[in-house]
Amino acid sequence: LQLAPIIEELRNEYQGVLHVEVVDVGLQENEAMAKNFGVQMIPTLVFLDKDGKELTRNVGYASKEDILKKWRELGHDFLPAAAPEVK
């Protein structure tokens, strides 16, 4: 629940730049996905590459800054979709 506003903010701010998806692993229809990703605790953030391969994960709360920092550590420095291009 604490992550919901952060996830929504990332989704809106980085639309078209970063794909952000929330999966309710408590729902029976998402059970297979939870097992596939080995989710054992909530919240679990799974960072995937463009091909769907897991790069890393974070179990527990993470701030927006923590999430963006993790992407930078993985070599991705995303600019918000509304950010002007630097020329």
PDB file of N, CA and C in Angstrom:
ATOM      1  N   LEU A   1       0.819  -1.200   0.000  1.00  0.00           N
ATOM      2  CA  LEU A   1       0.000   0.000   0.000  1.00  0.00           C
ATOM      3  C   LEU A   1       0.858   1.257   0.000  1.00  0.00           C
ATOM      4  N   GLN A   2       1.977   1.239   0.706  1.00  0.00           N
ATOM      5  CA  GLN A   2       2.858   2.404   0.724  1.00  0.00           C
ATOM      6  C   GLN A   2       3.497   2.650  -0.633  1.00  0.00           C
ATOM      7  N   LEU A   3       3.696   1.586  -1.384  1.00  0.00           N
ATOM      8  CA  LEU A   3       4.343   1.719  -2.689  1.00  0.00           C
ATOM      9  C   LEU A   3       3.393   2.197  -3.779  1.00  0.00           C
ATOM     10  N   ALA A   4       2.097   2.035  -3.581  1.00  0.00           N
ATOM     11  CA  ALA A   4       1.123   2.360  -4.629  1.00  0.00           C
ATOM     12  C   ALA A   4       1.290   3.768  -5.193  1.00  0.00           C
ATOM     13  N   PRO A   5       1.380   4.817  -4.364  1.00  0.00           N
ATOM     14  CA  PRO A   5       1.545   6.152  -4.947  1.00  0.00           C
ATOM     15  C   PRO A   5       2.888   6.335  -5.655  1.00  0.00           C
ATOM     16  N   ILE A   6       3.918   5.669  -5.186  1.00  0.00           N
ATOM     17  CA  ILE A   6       5.241   5.762  -5.820  1.00  0.00           C
ATOM     18  C   ILE A   6       5.201   5.086  -7.185  1.00  0.00           C
ATOM     19  N   ILE A   7       4.602   3.912  -7.247  1.00  0.00           N
ATOM     20  CA  ILE A   7       4.491   3.185  -8.508  1.00  0.00           C
ATOM     21  C   ILE A   7       3.678   3.993  -9.504  1.00  0.00           C
ATOM     22  N   GLU A   8       2.580   4.579  -9.050  1.00  0.00           N
ATOM     23  CA  GLU A   8       1.738   5.385  -9.942  1.00  0.00           C
ATOM     24  C   GLU A   8       2.492   6.615 -10.444  1.00  0.00           C
ATOM     25  N   GLU A   9       3.258   7.239  -9.563  1.00  0.00           N
ATOM     26  CA  GLU A   9       4.059   8.402  -9.951  1.00  0.00           C
ATOM     27  C   GLU A   9       5.101   8.019 -11.000  1.00  0.00           C
ATOM     28  N   LEU A  10       5.790   6.903 -10.788  1.00  0.00           N
ATOM     29  CA  LEU A  10       6.768   6.429 -11.770  1.00  0.00           C
ATOM     30  C   LEU A  10       6.092   6.114 -13.093  1.00  0.00           C
ATOM     31  N   ARG A  11       4.938   5.462 -13.016  1.00  0.00           N
ATOM     32  CA  ARG A  11       4.207   5.104 -14.238  1.00  0.00           C
ATOM     33  C   ARG A  11       3.852   6.357 -15.038  1.00  0.00           C
ATOM     34  N   ASN A  12       3.370   7.386 -14.361  1.00  0.00           N
ATOM     35  CA  ASN A  12       2.971   8.624 -15.040  1.00  0.00           C
ATOM     36  C   ASN A  12       4.168   9.431 -15.524  1.00  0.00           C
ATOM     37  N   GLU A  13       5.157   9.560 -14.680  1.00  0.00           N
ATOM     38  CA  GLU A  13       6.310  10.399 -14.982  1.00  0.00           C
ATOM     39  C   GLU A  13       7.206   9.816 -16.078  1.00  0.00           C
ATOM     40  N   TYR A  14       7.295   8.486 -16.134  1.00  0.00           N
ATOM     41  CA  TYR A  14       8.202   7.829 -17.070  1.00  0.00           C
ATOM     42  C   TYR A  14       7.441   7.056 -18.152  1.00  0.00           C
ATOM     43  N   GLN A  15       6.201   7.463 -18.424  1.00  0.00           N
ATOM     44  CA  GLN A  15       5.367   6.810 -19.438  1.00  0.00           C
ATOM     45  C   GLN A  15       6.081   6.805 -20.786  1.00  0.00           C
ATOM     46  N   GLY A  16       6.150   5.642 -21.399  1.00  0.00           N
ATOM     47  CA  GLY A  16       6.821   5.506 -22.681  1.00  0.00           C
ATOM     48  C   GLY A  16       8.330   5.360 -22.566  1.00  0.00           C
ATOM     49  N   VAL A  17       8.870   5.516 -21.362  1.00  0.00           N
ATOM     50  CA  VAL A  17      10.306   5.406 -21.130  1.00  0.00           C
ATOM     51  C   VAL A  17      10.605   4.166 -20.291  1.00  0.00           C
ATOM     52  N   LEU A  18       9.760   3.943 -19.295  1.00  0.00           N
ATOM     53  CA  LEU A  18       9.932   2.851 -18.344  1.00  0.00           C
ATOM     54  C   LEU A  18       8.585   2.173 -18.172  1.00  0.00           C
ATOM     55  N   HIS A  19       8.543   0.879 -18.364  1.00  0.00           N
ATOM     56  CA  HIS A  19       7.289   0.145 -18.194  1.00  0.00           C
ATOM     57  C   HIS A  19       7.165  -0.255 -16.731  1.00  0.00           C
ATOM     58  N   VAL A  20       6.110   0.198 -16.078  1.00  0.00           N
ATOM     59  CA  VAL A  20       5.869  -0.095 -14.670  1.00  0.00           C
ATOM     60  C   VAL A  20       4.551  -0.853 -14.577  1.00  0.00           C
ATOM     61  N   GLU A  21       4.595  -2.019 -13.981  1.00  0.00           N
ATOM     62  CA  GLU A  21       3.395  -2.843 -13.866  1.00  0.00           C
ATOM     63  C   GLU A  21       3.253  -3.330 -12.433  1.00  0.00           C
ATOM     64  N   VAL A  22       2.018  -3.319 -11.943  1.00  0.00           N
ATOM     65  CA  VAL A  22       1.709  -3.839 -10.614  1.00  0.00           C
ATOM     66  C   VAL A  22       0.930  -5.132 -10.808  1.00  0.00           C
ATOM     67  N   VAL A  23       1.374  -6.177 -10.132  1.00  0.00           N
ATOM     68  CA  VAL A  23       0.691  -7.466 -10.201  1.00  0.00           C
ATOM     69  C   VAL A  23       0.295  -7.848  -8.784  1.00  0.00           C
ATOM     70  N   ASP A  24      -0.987  -8.033  -8.558  1.00  0.00           N
ATOM     71  CA  ASP A  24      -1.489  -8.461  -7.258  1.00  0.00           C
ATOM     72  C   ASP A  24      -1.303  -9.968  -7.166  1.00  0.00           C
ATOM     73  N   VAL A  25      -0.244 -10.389  -6.491  1.00  0.00           N
ATOM     74  CA  VAL A  25       0.075 -11.814  -6.419  1.00  0.00           C
ATOM     75  C   VAL A  25      -0.874 -12.567  -5.495  1.00  0.00           C
ATOM     76  N   GLY A  26      -1.750 -11.833  -4.811  1.00  0.00           N
ATOM     77  CA  GLY A  26      -2.747 -12.474  -3.963  1.00  0.00           C
ATOM     78  C   GLY A  26      -3.931 -12.998  -4.756  1.00  0.00           C
ATOM     79  N   LEU A  27      -4.063 -12.591  -6.000  1.00  0.00           N
ATOM     80  CA  LEU A  27      -5.157 -13.049  -6.838  1.00  0.00           C
ATOM     81  C   LEU A  27      -4.801 -14.383  -7.476  1.00  0.00           C
ATOM     82  N   GLN A  28      -5.747 -15.285  -7.497  1.00  0.00           N
ATOM     83  CA  GLN A  28      -5.513 -16.627  -8.049  1.00  0.00           C
ATOM     84  C   GLN A  28      -5.036 -16.562  -9.491  1.00  0.00           C
ATOM     85  N   GLU A  29      -5.555 -15.608 -10.258  1.00  0.00           N
ATOM     86  CA  GLU A  29      -5.174 -15.503 -11.671  1.00  0.00           C
ATOM     87  C   GLU A  29      -3.703 -15.119 -11.866  1.00  0.00           C
ATOM     88  N   ASN A  30      -3.066 -14.587 -10.816  1.00  0.00           N
ATOM     89  CA  ASN A  30      -1.656 -14.195 -10.908  1.00  0.00           C
ATOM     90  C   ASN A  30      -0.726 -15.155 -10.166  1.00  0.00           C
ATOM     91  N   GLU A  31      -1.289 -16.249  -9.688  1.00  0.00           N
ATOM     92  CA  GLU A  31      -0.515 -17.210  -8.910  1.00  0.00           C
ATOM     93  C   GLU A  31       0.684 -17.762  -9.684  1.00  0.00           C
ATOM     94  N   ALA A  32       0.480 -18.076 -10.952  1.00  0.00           N
ATOM     95  CA  ALA A  32       1.570 -18.633 -11.768  1.00  0.00           C
ATOM     96  C   ALA A  32       2.700 -17.620 -11.928  1.00  0.00           C
ATOM     97  N   MET A  33       2.344 -16.356 -12.124  1.00  0.00           N
ATOM     98  CA  MET A  33       3.369 -15.329 -12.276  1.00  0.00           C
ATOM     99  C   MET A  33       4.163 -15.180 -10.978  1.00  0.00           C
ATOM    100  N   ALA A  34       3.472 -15.206  -9.857  1.00  0.00           N
ATOM    101  CA  ALA A  34       4.152 -15.101  -8.562  1.00  0.00           C
ATOM    102  C   ALA A  34       5.130 -16.251  -8.373  1.00  0.00           C
ATOM    103  N   LYS A  35       4.714 -17.444  -8.736  1.00  0.00           N
ATOM    104  CA  LYS A  35       5.602 -18.608  -8.623  1.00  0.00           C
ATOM    105  C   LYS A  35       6.762 -18.496  -9.596  1.00  0.00           C
ATOM    106  N   ASN A  36       6.482 -18.066 -10.824  1.00  0.00           N
ATOM    107  CA  ASN A  36       7.512 -17.917 -11.847  1.00  0.00           C
ATOM    108  C   ASN A  36       8.620 -16.972 -11.397  1.00  0.00           C
ATOM    109  N   PHE A  37       8.237 -15.883 -10.720  1.00  0.00           N
ATOM    110  CA  PHE A  37       9.221 -14.909 -10.251  1.00  0.00           C
ATOM    111  C   PHE A  37       9.699 -15.195  -8.827  1.00  0.00           C
ATOM    112  N   GLY A  38       9.185 -16.238  -8.212  1.00  0.00           N
ATOM    113  CA  GLY A  38       9.636 -16.609  -6.871  1.00  0.00           C
ATOM    114  C   GLY A  38       9.292 -15.575  -5.825  1.00  0.00           C
ATOM    115  N   VAL A  39       8.147 -14.919  -5.974  1.00  0.00           N
ATOM    116  CA  VAL A  39       7.732 -13.906  -5.000  1.00  0.00           C
ATOM    117  C   VAL A  39       7.291 -14.604  -3.728  1.00  0.00           C
ATOM    118  N   GLN A  40       7.960 -14.275  -2.625  1.00  0.00           N
ATOM    119  CA  GLN A  40       7.643 -14.880  -1.340  1.00  0.00           C
ATOM    120  C   GLN A  40       7.187 -13.851  -0.324  1.00  0.00           C
ATOM    121  N   MET A  41       7.530 -12.585  -0.562  1.00  0.00           N
ATOM    122  CA  MET A  41       7.135 -11.510   0.350  1.00  0.00           C
ATOM    123  C   MET A  41       6.556 -10.364  -0.455  1.00  0.00           C
ATOM    124  N   ILE A  42       5.702  -9.608   0.196  1.00  0.00           N
ATOM    125  CA  ILE A  42       5.086  -8.448  -0.442  1.00  0.00           C
ATOM    126  C   ILE A  42       5.491  -7.221   0.362  1.00  0.00           C
ATOM    127  N   PRO A  43       5.949  -6.160  -0.282  1.00  0.00           N
ATOM    128  CA  PRO A  43       6.117  -6.000  -1.717  1.00  0.00           C
ATOM    129  C   PRO A  43       7.458  -6.543  -2.203  1.00  0.00           C
ATOM    130  N   THR A  44       7.450  -7.004  -3.438  1.00  0.00           N
ATOM    131  CA  THR A  44       8.665  -7.397  -4.142  1.00  0.00           C
ATOM    132  C   THR A  44       8.692  -6.648  -5.465  1.00  0.00           C
ATOM    133  N   LEU A  45       9.755  -5.918  -5.694  1.00  0.00           N
ATOM    134  CA  LEU A  45       9.944  -5.224  -6.963  1.00  0.00           C
ATOM    135  C   LEU A  45      10.930  -6.038  -7.788  1.00  0.00           C
ATOM    136  N   VAL A  46      10.513  -6.415  -8.994  1.00  0.00           N
ATOM    137  CA  VAL A  46      11.377  -7.190  -9.881  1.00  0.00           C
ATOM    138  C   VAL A  46      11.765  -6.280 -11.039  1.00  0.00           C
ATOM    139  N   PHE A  47      13.048  -6.086 -11.225  1.00  0.00           N
ATOM    140  CA  PHE A  47      13.575  -5.232 -12.292  1.00  0.00           C
ATOM    141  C   PHE A  47      13.934  -6.139 -13.469  1.00  0.00           C
ATOM    142  N   LEU A  48      13.282  -5.900 -14.608  1.00  0.00           N
ATOM    143  CA  LEU A  48      13.478  -6.732 -15.788  1.00  0.00           C
ATOM    144  C   LEU A  48      14.116  -5.931 -16.908  1.00  0.00           C
ATOM    145  N   ASP A  49      14.862  -6.611 -17.775  1.00  0.00           N
ATOM    146  CA  ASP A  49      15.366  -5.946 -18.969  1.00  0.00           C
ATOM    147  C   ASP A  49      14.275  -5.950 -20.032  1.00  0.00           C
ATOM    148  N   LYS A  50      14.561  -5.399 -21.188  1.00  0.00           N
ATOM    149  CA  LYS A  50      13.551  -5.266 -22.241  1.00  0.00           C
ATOM    150  C   LYS A  50      13.067  -6.613 -22.758  1.00  0.00           C
ATOM    151  N   ASP A  51      13.835  -7.678 -22.515  1.00  0.00           N
ATOM    152  CA  ASP A  51      13.447  -9.013 -22.956  1.00  0.00           C
ATOM    153  C   ASP A  51      12.753  -9.822 -21.861  1.00  0.00           C
ATOM    154  N   GLY A  52      12.528  -9.187 -20.698  1.00  0.00           N
ATOM    155  CA  GLY A  52      11.840  -9.865 -19.607  1.00  0.00           C
ATOM    156  C   GLY A  52      12.738 -10.673 -18.697  1.00  0.00           C
ATOM    157  N   LYS A  53      14.059 -10.527 -18.862  1.00  0.00           N
ATOM    158  CA  LYS A  53      15.019 -11.238 -18.005  1.00  0.00           C
ATOM    159  C   LYS A  53      15.218 -10.434 -16.717  1.00  0.00           C
ATOM    160  N   GLU A  54      15.161 -11.135 -15.592  1.00  0.00           N
ATOM    161  CA  GLU A  54      15.338 -10.462 -14.311  1.00  0.00           C
ATOM    162  C   GLU A  54      16.768  -9.970 -14.155  1.00  0.00           C
ATOM    163  N   LEU A  55      16.890  -8.691 -13.791  1.00  0.00           N
ATOM    164  CA  LEU A  55      18.192  -8.077 -13.538  1.00  0.00           C
ATOM    165  C   LEU A  55      18.507  -8.083 -12.054  1.00  0.00           C
ATOM    166  N   THR A  56      17.520  -7.750 -11.249  1.00  0.00           N
ATOM    167  CA  THR A  56      17.655  -7.719  -9.796  1.00  0.00           C
ATOM    168  C   THR A  56      16.268  -7.598  -9.208  1.00  0.00           C
ATOM    169  N   ARG A  57      16.197  -7.589  -7.893  1.00  0.00           N
ATOM    170  CA  ARG A  57      14.910  -7.403  -7.221  1.00  0.00           C
ATOM    171  C   ARG A  57      15.122  -6.697  -5.898  1.00  0.00           C
ATOM    172  N   ASN A  58      14.046  -6.151  -5.389  1.00  0.00           N
ATOM    173  CA  ASN A  58      14.042  -5.504  -4.090  1.00  0.00           C
ATOM    174  C   ASN A  58      12.853  -6.056  -3.327  1.00  0.00           C
ATOM    175  N   VAL A  59      13.111  -6.569  -2.135  1.00  0.00           N
ATOM    176  CA  VAL A  59      12.035  -7.064  -1.283  1.00  0.00           C
ATOM    177  C   VAL A  59      11.836  -6.059  -0.171  1.00  0.00           C
ATOM    178  N   GLY A  60      10.607  -5.580  -0.034  1.00  0.00           N
ATOM    179  CA  GLY A  60      10.284  -4.581   0.976  1.00  0.00           C
ATOM    180  C   GLY A  60      10.093  -3.215   0.338  1.00  0.00           C
ATOM    181  N   TYR A  61       9.828  -2.242   1.177  1.00  0.00           N
ATOM    182  CA  TYR A  61       9.567  -0.884   0.717  1.00  0.00           C
ATOM    183  C   TYR A  61      10.796  -0.285   0.039  1.00  0.00           C
ATOM    184  N   ALA A  62      10.546   0.500  -1.000  1.00  0.00           N
ATOM    185  CA  ALA A  62      11.602   1.265  -1.671  1.00  0.00           C
ATOM    186  C   ALA A  62      11.014   2.609  -2.069  1.00  0.00           C
ATOM    187  N   SER A  63      11.754   3.672  -1.817  1.00  0.00           N
ATOM    188  CA  SER A  63      11.297   5.004  -2.216  1.00  0.00           C
ATOM    189  C   SER A  63      11.490   5.170  -3.720  1.00  0.00           C
ATOM    190  N   LYS A  64      10.895   6.207  -4.260  1.00  0.00           N
ATOM    191  CA  LYS A  64      11.075   6.518  -5.684  1.00  0.00           C
ATOM    192  C   LYS A  64      12.556   6.705  -5.986  1.00  0.00           C
ATOM    193  N   GLU A  65      13.255   7.401  -5.109  1.00  0.00           N
ATOM    194  CA  GLU A  65      14.684   7.636  -5.286  1.00  0.00           C
ATOM    195  C   GLU A  65      15.461   6.322  -5.259  1.00  0.00           C
ATOM    196  N   ASP A  66      15.061   5.401  -4.364  1.00  0.00           N
ATOM    197  CA  ASP A  66      15.724   4.087  -4.289  1.00  0.00           C
ATOM    198  C   ASP A  66      15.551   3.311  -5.595  1.00  0.00           C
ATOM    199  N   ILE A  67      14.338   3.361  -6.146  1.00  0.00           N
ATOM    200  CA  ILE A  67      14.038   2.636  -7.381  1.00  0.00           C
ATOM    201  C   ILE A  67      14.850   3.203  -8.543  1.00  0.00           C
ATOM    202  N   LEU A  68      14.865   4.528  -8.668  1.00  0.00           N
ATOM    203  CA  LEU A  68      15.633   5.158  -9.746  1.00  0.00           C
ATOM    204  C   LEU A  68      17.132   4.928  -9.559  1.00  0.00           C
ATOM    205  N   LYS A  69      17.591   4.932  -8.313  1.00  0.00           N
ATOM    206  CA  LYS A  69      19.006   4.665  -8.027  1.00  0.00           C
ATOM    207  C   LYS A  69      19.377   3.246  -8.448  1.00  0.00           C
ATOM    208  N   LYS A  70      18.486   2.298  -8.186  1.00  0.00           N
ATOM    209  CA  LYS A  70      18.745   0.909  -8.576  1.00  0.00           C
ATOM    210  C   LYS A  70      18.882   0.804 -10.091  1.00  0.00           C
ATOM    211  N   TRP A  71      17.997   1.508 -10.839  1.00  0.00           N
ATOM    212  CA  TRP A  71      18.110   1.495 -12.300  1.00  0.00           C
ATOM    213  C   TRP A  71      19.447   2.096 -12.742  1.00  0.00           C
ATOM    214  N   ARG A  72      19.871   3.177 -12.080  1.00  0.00           N
ATOM    215  CA  ARG A  72      21.165   3.787 -12.438  1.00  0.00           C
ATOM    216  C   ARG A  72      22.305   2.804 -12.175  1.00  0.00           C
ATOM    217  N   GLU A  73      22.235   2.077 -11.048  1.00  0.00           N
ATOM    218  CA  GLU A  73      23.259   1.073 -10.737  1.00  0.00           C
ATOM    219  C   GLU A  73      23.305  -0.018 -11.805  1.00  0.00           C
ATOM    220  N   LEU A  74      22.156  -0.277 -12.426  1.00  0.00           N
ATOM    221  CA  LEU A  74      22.070  -1.283 -13.486  1.00  0.00           C
ATOM    222  C   LEU A  74      22.468  -0.723 -14.855  1.00  0.00           C
ATOM    223  N   GLY A  75      22.840   0.568 -14.882  1.00  0.00           N
ATOM    224  CA  GLY A  75      23.308   1.184 -16.114  1.00  0.00           C
ATOM    225  C   GLY A  75      22.253   1.918 -16.908  1.00  0.00           C
ATOM    226  N   HIS A  76      21.105   2.193 -16.301  1.00  0.00           N
ATOM    227  CA  HIS A  76      20.008   2.878 -16.989  1.00  0.00           C
ATOM    228  C   HIS A  76      19.682   4.172 -16.246  1.00  0.00           C
ATOM    229  N   ASP A  77      19.900   5.288 -16.892  1.00  0.00           N
ATOM    230  CA  ASP A  77      19.589   6.579 -16.282  1.00  0.00           C
ATOM    231  C   ASP A  77      18.434   7.203 -17.060  1.00  0.00           C
ATOM    232  N   PHE A  78      17.222   6.838 -16.672  1.00  0.00           N
ATOM    233  CA  PHE A  78      16.034   7.289 -17.367  1.00  0.00           C
ATOM    234  C   PHE A  78      15.714   8.741 -17.065  1.00  0.00           C
ATOM    235  N   LEU A  79      15.292   9.461 -18.091  1.00  0.00           N
ATOM    236  CA  LEU A  79      14.768  10.804 -17.908  1.00  0.00           C
ATOM    237  C   LEU A  79      13.255  10.718 -17.954  1.00  0.00           C
ATOM    238  N   PRO A  80      12.564  11.525 -17.146  1.00  0.00           N
ATOM    239  CA  PRO A  80      11.108  11.522 -17.223  1.00  0.00           C
ATOM    240  C   PRO A  80      10.649  11.833 -18.645  1.00  0.00           C
ATOM    241  N   ALA A  81       9.497  11.303 -19.013  1.00  0.00           N
ATOM    242  CA  ALA A  81       8.979  11.476 -20.369  1.00  0.00           C
ATOM    243  C   ALA A  81       8.805  12.949 -20.732  1.00  0.00           C
ATOM    244  N   ALA A  82       8.474  13.784 -19.756  1.00  0.00           N
ATOM    245  CA  ALA A  82       8.233  15.198 -20.010  1.00  0.00           C
ATOM    246  C   ALA A  82       9.506  16.023 -19.993  1.00  0.00           C
ATOM    247  N   ALA A  83      10.636  15.424 -19.696  1.00  0.00           N
ATOM    248  CA  ALA A  83      11.906  16.161 -19.610  1.00  0.00           C
ATOM    249  C   ALA A  83      12.317  16.653 -20.998  1.00  0.00           C
ATOM    250  N   PRO A  84      12.758  17.893 -21.092  1.00  0.00           N
ATOM    251  CA  PRO A  84      13.224  18.390 -22.378  1.00  0.00           C
ATOM    252  C   PRO A  84      14.522  17.716 -22.782  1.00  0.00           C
ATOM    253  N   GLU A  85      14.703  17.542 -24.064  1.00  0.00           N
ATOM    254  CA  GLU A  85      15.941  16.948 -24.562  1.00  0.00           C
ATOM    255  C   GLU A  85      17.092  17.915 -24.400  1.00  0.00           C
ATOM    256  N   VAL A  86      18.245  17.395 -24.022  1.00  0.00           N
ATOM    257  CA  VAL A  86      19.442  18.215 -23.902  1.00  0.00           C
ATOM    258  C   VAL A  86      20.137  18.205 -25.253  1.00  0.00           C
ATOM    259  N   LYS A  87      20.409  19.395 -25.785  1.00  0.00           N
ATOM    260  CA  LYS A  87      21.038  19.496 -27.102  1.00  0.00           C
ATOM    261  C   LYS A  87      22.472  19.905 -26.990  1.00  0.00           C
TER     262      LYS A  87
END
